[in-house]
Amino acid sequence: MRAVLALRVIVPSVWLGALVALSFVETPLKFLGPGITVPLGLGIGRLVFNALGVIGAVALIATTLLALPRPRVGRAGGILIGALWVVLAAEQFLVRPPLNARSDIVIAGGDPGESMLHYVYIVCDVAILGLLIALIVVAARRVLPRTVPADAS
């Protein structure tokens, strides 16, 4: 049982680390590398974001299964997990396909024009980041032993 409690903290923490490393560090840095063109950077970015999508989906499924058969992460944890499902699904199924279509145009040498889709994707990633931090805090509170202050006797 203690292992399951620990995994409720570890799994979202690994996802959080991957999200920060790939979305917020690797993504902007790749365009600064010598010889990286926009089409090449977009091709690399597509591979990275596909991998991050798989990591997120696997981590979210594992996190959900660790909370079953009933939400053992409490009401707050259940709400956070549900919100993660909504945001990840929106990002992967509503935002990513049109972004992929836009990157196809750029890679082929075209100009798809201005779009707010990148900002929507960033908002989704920031939302996932916040939800993961909150979930880790909720899960950690259930793992850490409760202490009574010495002067509470």
C-alpha atoms as a PDB file:
ATOM      1  CA  MET A   1       0.000   0.000   0.000  1.00  0.00           C
ATOM      2  CA  ARG A   2       2.870   2.389   0.803  1.00  0.00           C
ATOM      3  CA  ALA A   3       4.298   1.737  -2.689  1.00  0.00           C
ATOM      4  CA  VAL A   4       1.004   2.749  -4.306  1.00  0.00           C
ATOM      5  CA  LEU A   5       0.957   5.928  -2.240  1.00  0.00           C
ATOM      6  CA  ALA A   6       4.524   6.687  -3.326  1.00  0.00           C
ATOM      7  CA  LEU A   7       3.693   6.024  -6.985  1.00  0.00           C
ATOM      8  CA  ARG A   8       0.856   8.562  -6.731  1.00  0.00           C
ATOM      9  CA  VAL A   9       3.581  11.154  -6.180  1.00  0.00           C
ATOM     10  CA  ILE A  10       6.288   9.665  -8.409  1.00  0.00           C
ATOM     11  CA  VAL A  11       4.270   9.169 -11.624  1.00  0.00           C
ATOM     12  CA  PRO A  12       2.979  12.760 -11.913  1.00  0.00           C
ATOM     13  CA  SER A  13       6.441  14.005 -10.853  1.00  0.00           C
ATOM     14  CA  VAL A  14       8.089  12.160 -13.741  1.00  0.00           C
ATOM     15  CA  TRP A  15       5.489  13.618 -16.122  1.00  0.00           C
ATOM     16  CA  LEU A  16       6.132  17.084 -14.669  1.00  0.00           C
ATOM     17  CA  GLY A  17       9.871  16.670 -15.239  1.00  0.00           C
ATOM     18  CA  ALA A  18       9.368  15.568 -18.838  1.00  0.00           C
ATOM     19  CA  LEU A  19       6.993  18.467 -19.484  1.00  0.00           C
ATOM     20  CA  VAL A  20       9.388  21.070 -18.096  1.00  0.00           C
ATOM     21  CA  ALA A  21      12.414  19.576 -19.860  1.00  0.00           C
ATOM     22  CA  LEU A  22      10.794  19.130 -23.253  1.00  0.00           C
ATOM     23  CA  SER A  23       8.198  21.906 -23.529  1.00  0.00           C
ATOM     24  CA  PHE A  24       9.852  24.701 -21.607  1.00  0.00           C
ATOM     25  CA  VAL A  25      13.590  23.986 -22.079  1.00  0.00           C
ATOM     26  CA  GLU A  26      14.218  21.908 -25.213  1.00  0.00           C
ATOM     27  CA  THR A  27      11.624  23.581 -27.426  1.00  0.00           C
ATOM     28  CA  PRO A  28      12.966  27.139 -27.331  1.00  0.00           C
ATOM     29  CA  LEU A  29      16.612  26.014 -27.243  1.00  0.00           C
ATOM     30  CA  LYS A  30      16.459  23.831 -30.349  1.00  0.00           C
ATOM     31  CA  PHE A  31      16.013  26.855 -32.598  1.00  0.00           C
ATOM     32  CA  LEU A  32      19.227  28.383 -31.216  1.00  0.00           C
ATOM     33  CA  GLY A  33      21.412  25.489 -32.376  1.00  0.00           C
ATOM     34  CA  PRO A  34      23.821  26.155 -35.230  1.00  0.00           C
ATOM     35  CA  GLY A  35      22.444  25.182 -38.613  1.00  0.00           C
ATOM     36  CA  ILE A  36      18.892  24.588 -37.356  1.00  0.00           C
ATOM     37  CA  THR A  37      16.409  25.930 -39.879  1.00  0.00           C
ATOM     38  CA  VAL A  38      12.752  26.531 -39.065  1.00  0.00           C
ATOM     39  CA  PRO A  39      11.604  23.474 -41.062  1.00  0.00           C
ATOM     40  CA  LEU A  40      14.239  21.297 -39.360  1.00  0.00           C
ATOM     41  CA  GLY A  41      13.294  22.663 -35.933  1.00  0.00           C
ATOM     42  CA  LEU A  42       9.626  21.983 -36.643  1.00  0.00           C
ATOM     43  CA  GLY A  43      10.418  18.415 -37.696  1.00  0.00           C
ATOM     44  CA  ILE A  44      12.370  17.842 -34.487  1.00  0.00           C
ATOM     45  CA  GLY A  45       9.619  19.541 -32.500  1.00  0.00           C
ATOM     46  CA  ARG A  46       6.997  17.228 -33.928  1.00  0.00           C
ATOM     47  CA  LEU A  47       9.018  14.197 -32.796  1.00  0.00           C
ATOM     48  CA  VAL A  48       9.532  15.681 -29.333  1.00  0.00           C
ATOM     49  CA  PHE A  49       5.876  16.613 -28.878  1.00  0.00           C
ATOM     50  CA  ASN A  50       4.734  13.201 -30.095  1.00  0.00           C
ATOM     51  CA  ALA A  51       6.991  11.627 -27.455  1.00  0.00           C
ATOM     52  CA  LEU A  52       5.730  14.054 -24.803  1.00  0.00           C
ATOM     53  CA  GLY A  53       2.138  13.219 -25.762  1.00  0.00           C
ATOM     54  CA  VAL A  54       2.850   9.516 -25.257  1.00  0.00           C
ATOM     55  CA  ILE A  55       4.580  10.200 -21.927  1.00  0.00           C
ATOM     56  CA  GLY A  56       1.614  12.315 -20.806  1.00  0.00           C
ATOM     57  CA  ALA A  57      -0.968   9.738 -21.872  1.00  0.00           C
ATOM     58  CA  VAL A  58       0.856   6.851 -20.190  1.00  0.00           C
ATOM     59  CA  ALA A  59       1.427   8.876 -17.021  1.00  0.00           C
ATOM     60  CA  LEU A  60      -2.198  10.011 -16.912  1.00  0.00           C
ATOM     61  CA  ILE A  61      -3.504   6.473 -17.393  1.00  0.00           C
ATOM     62  CA  ALA A  62      -1.158   5.238 -14.656  1.00  0.00           C
ATOM     63  CA  THR A  63      -2.155   8.101 -12.350  1.00  0.00           C
ATOM     64  CA  THR A  64      -5.827   7.347 -12.932  1.00  0.00           C
ATOM     65  CA  LEU A  65      -5.357   3.625 -12.291  1.00  0.00           C
ATOM     66  CA  LEU A  66      -3.450   4.371  -9.088  1.00  0.00           C
ATOM     67  CA  ALA A  67      -6.469   6.357  -7.880  1.00  0.00           C
ATOM     68  CA  LEU A  68      -8.922   3.482  -8.483  1.00  0.00           C
ATOM     69  CA  PRO A  69     -11.196   1.682  -7.620  1.00  0.00           C
ATOM     70  CA  ARG A  70     -12.512   4.790  -5.963  1.00  0.00           C
ATOM     71  CA  PRO A  71     -10.683   8.085  -5.935  1.00  0.00           C
ATOM     72  CA  ARG A  72      -8.181   7.276  -3.202  1.00  0.00           C
ATOM     73  CA  VAL A  73      -6.562  10.611  -3.815  1.00  0.00           C
ATOM     74  CA  GLY A  74      -9.517  12.413  -2.274  1.00  0.00           C
ATOM     75  CA  ARG A  75     -11.962  14.760  -3.891  1.00  0.00           C
ATOM     76  CA  ALA A  76      -9.315  17.336  -4.800  1.00  0.00           C
ATOM     77  CA  GLY A  77      -7.114  14.677  -6.399  1.00  0.00           C
ATOM     78  CA  GLY A  78     -10.049  13.306  -8.378  1.00  0.00           C
ATOM     79  CA  ILE A  79     -10.916  16.766  -9.675  1.00  0.00           C
ATOM     80  CA  LEU A  80      -7.281  17.403 -10.635  1.00  0.00           C
ATOM     81  CA  ILE A  81      -7.035  14.082 -12.483  1.00  0.00           C
ATOM     82  CA  GLY A  82     -10.279  14.843 -14.322  1.00  0.00           C
ATOM     83  CA  ALA A  83      -9.001  18.292 -15.272  1.00  0.00           C
ATOM     84  CA  LEU A  84      -5.761  16.729 -16.553  1.00  0.00           C
ATOM     85  CA  TRP A  85      -7.814  14.410 -18.799  1.00  0.00           C
ATOM     86  CA  VAL A  86      -9.720  17.384 -20.235  1.00  0.00           C
ATOM     87  CA  VAL A  87      -6.667  19.571 -20.865  1.00  0.00           C
ATOM     88  CA  LEU A  88      -4.502  16.764 -22.266  1.00  0.00           C
ATOM     89  CA  ALA A  89      -7.320  15.628 -24.571  1.00  0.00           C
ATOM     90  CA  ALA A  90      -7.907  19.203 -25.780  1.00  0.00           C
ATOM     91  CA  GLU A  91      -4.200  19.699 -26.410  1.00  0.00           C
ATOM     92  CA  GLN A  92      -3.698  16.393 -28.218  1.00  0.00           C
ATOM     93  CA  PHE A  93      -6.936  16.201 -30.225  1.00  0.00           C
ATOM     94  CA  LEU A  94      -7.974  19.817 -30.788  1.00  0.00           C
ATOM     95  CA  VAL A  95      -4.750  21.843 -30.863  1.00  0.00           C
ATOM     96  CA  ARG A  96      -2.030  19.464 -32.098  1.00  0.00           C
ATOM     97  CA  PRO A  97      -3.677  18.353 -35.393  1.00  0.00           C
ATOM     98  CA  PRO A  98      -4.004  21.904 -36.775  1.00  0.00           C
ATOM     99  CA  LEU A  99      -0.491  22.708 -35.521  1.00  0.00           C
ATOM    100  CA  ASN A 100       0.805  19.636 -37.359  1.00  0.00           C
ATOM    101  CA  ALA A 101      -0.994  20.791 -40.523  1.00  0.00           C
ATOM    102  CA  ARG A 102       0.620  24.227 -40.179  1.00  0.00           C
ATOM    103  CA  SER A 103       4.074  22.706 -39.672  1.00  0.00           C
ATOM    104  CA  ASP A 104       3.519  20.543 -42.792  1.00  0.00           C
ATOM    105  CA  ILE A 105       2.995  23.742 -44.791  1.00  0.00           C
ATOM    106  CA  VAL A 106       6.179  25.334 -43.379  1.00  0.00           C
ATOM    107  CA  ILE A 107       8.247  22.168 -43.921  1.00  0.00           C
ATOM    108  CA  ALA A 108       7.023  22.106 -47.547  1.00  0.00           C
ATOM    109  CA  GLY A 109       8.242  25.701 -47.962  1.00  0.00           C
ATOM    110  CA  GLY A 110       4.906  27.481 -47.585  1.00  0.00           C
ATOM    111  CA  ASP A 111       3.674  30.198 -45.253  1.00  0.00           C
ATOM    112  CA  PRO A 112       0.535  29.283 -43.295  1.00  0.00           C
ATOM    113  CA  GLY A 113       0.093  32.846 -42.019  1.00  0.00           C
ATOM    114  CA  GLU A 114      -0.456  34.042 -38.467  1.00  0.00           C
ATOM    115  CA  SER A 115      -2.104  31.832 -35.863  1.00  0.00           C
ATOM    116  CA  MET A 116      -2.808  31.828 -32.139  1.00  0.00           C
ATOM    117  CA  LEU A 117      -2.505  28.018 -31.976  1.00  0.00           C
ATOM    118  CA  HIS A 118       1.015  28.067 -30.523  1.00  0.00           C
ATOM    119  CA  TYR A 119      -0.207  30.272 -27.694  1.00  0.00           C
ATOM    120  CA  VAL A 120      -3.157  27.950 -27.065  1.00  0.00           C
ATOM    121  CA  TYR A 121      -0.714  25.025 -26.900  1.00  0.00           C
ATOM    122  CA  ILE A 122       1.446  26.939 -24.410  1.00  0.00           C
ATOM    123  CA  VAL A 123      -1.624  27.720 -22.287  1.00  0.00           C
ATOM    124  CA  CYS A 124      -2.502  24.006 -22.274  1.00  0.00           C
ATOM    125  CA  ASP A 125       1.044  23.103 -21.209  1.00  0.00           C
ATOM    126  CA  VAL A 126       1.005  25.727 -18.447  1.00  0.00           C
ATOM    127  CA  ALA A 127      -2.373  24.408 -17.273  1.00  0.00           C
ATOM    128  CA  ILE A 128      -0.999  20.843 -17.203  1.00  0.00           C
ATOM    129  CA  LEU A 129       2.038  22.125 -15.305  1.00  0.00           C
ATOM    130  CA  GLY A 130      -0.143  23.765 -12.657  1.00  0.00           C
ATOM    131  CA  LEU A 131      -2.468  20.781 -12.376  1.00  0.00           C
ATOM    132  CA  LEU A 132       0.479  18.396 -11.975  1.00  0.00           C
ATOM    133  CA  ILE A 133       2.033  20.535  -9.240  1.00  0.00           C
ATOM    134  CA  ALA A 134      -1.293  20.658  -7.405  1.00  0.00           C
ATOM    135  CA  LEU A 135      -1.786  16.892  -7.803  1.00  0.00           C
ATOM    136  CA  ILE A 136       1.722  16.172  -6.512  1.00  0.00           C
ATOM    137  CA  VAL A 137       1.043  18.332  -3.445  1.00  0.00           C
ATOM    138  CA  VAL A 138      -2.288  16.588  -2.797  1.00  0.00           C
ATOM    139  CA  ALA A 139      -0.730  13.142  -3.245  1.00  0.00           C
ATOM    140  CA  ALA A 140       2.318  13.994  -1.115  1.00  0.00           C
ATOM    141  CA  ARG A 141       0.089  15.124   1.746  1.00  0.00           C
ATOM    142  CA  ARG A 142      -1.441  11.648   1.786  1.00  0.00           C
ATOM    143  CA  VAL A 143       1.985   9.975   1.842  1.00  0.00           C
ATOM    144  CA  LEU A 144       3.787  12.114   4.390  1.00  0.00           C
ATOM    145  CA  PRO A 145       3.099  11.287   8.035  1.00  0.00           C
ATOM    146  CA  ARG A 146       0.942  13.762   9.861  1.00  0.00           C
ATOM    147  CA  THR A 147       2.737  15.347  12.752  1.00  0.00           C
ATOM    148  CA  VAL A 148       1.213  17.025  15.753  1.00  0.00           C
ATOM    149  CA  PRO A 149       2.976  20.167  16.955  1.00  0.00           C
ATOM    150  CA  ALA A 150       4.724  19.664  20.323  1.00  0.00           C
ATOM    151  CA  ASP A 151       2.734  22.458  21.955  1.00  0.00           C
ATOM    152  CA  ALA A 152      -0.625  20.960  20.903  1.00  0.00           C
ATOM    153  CA  SER A 153      -0.838  18.662  23.951  1.00  0.00           C
END
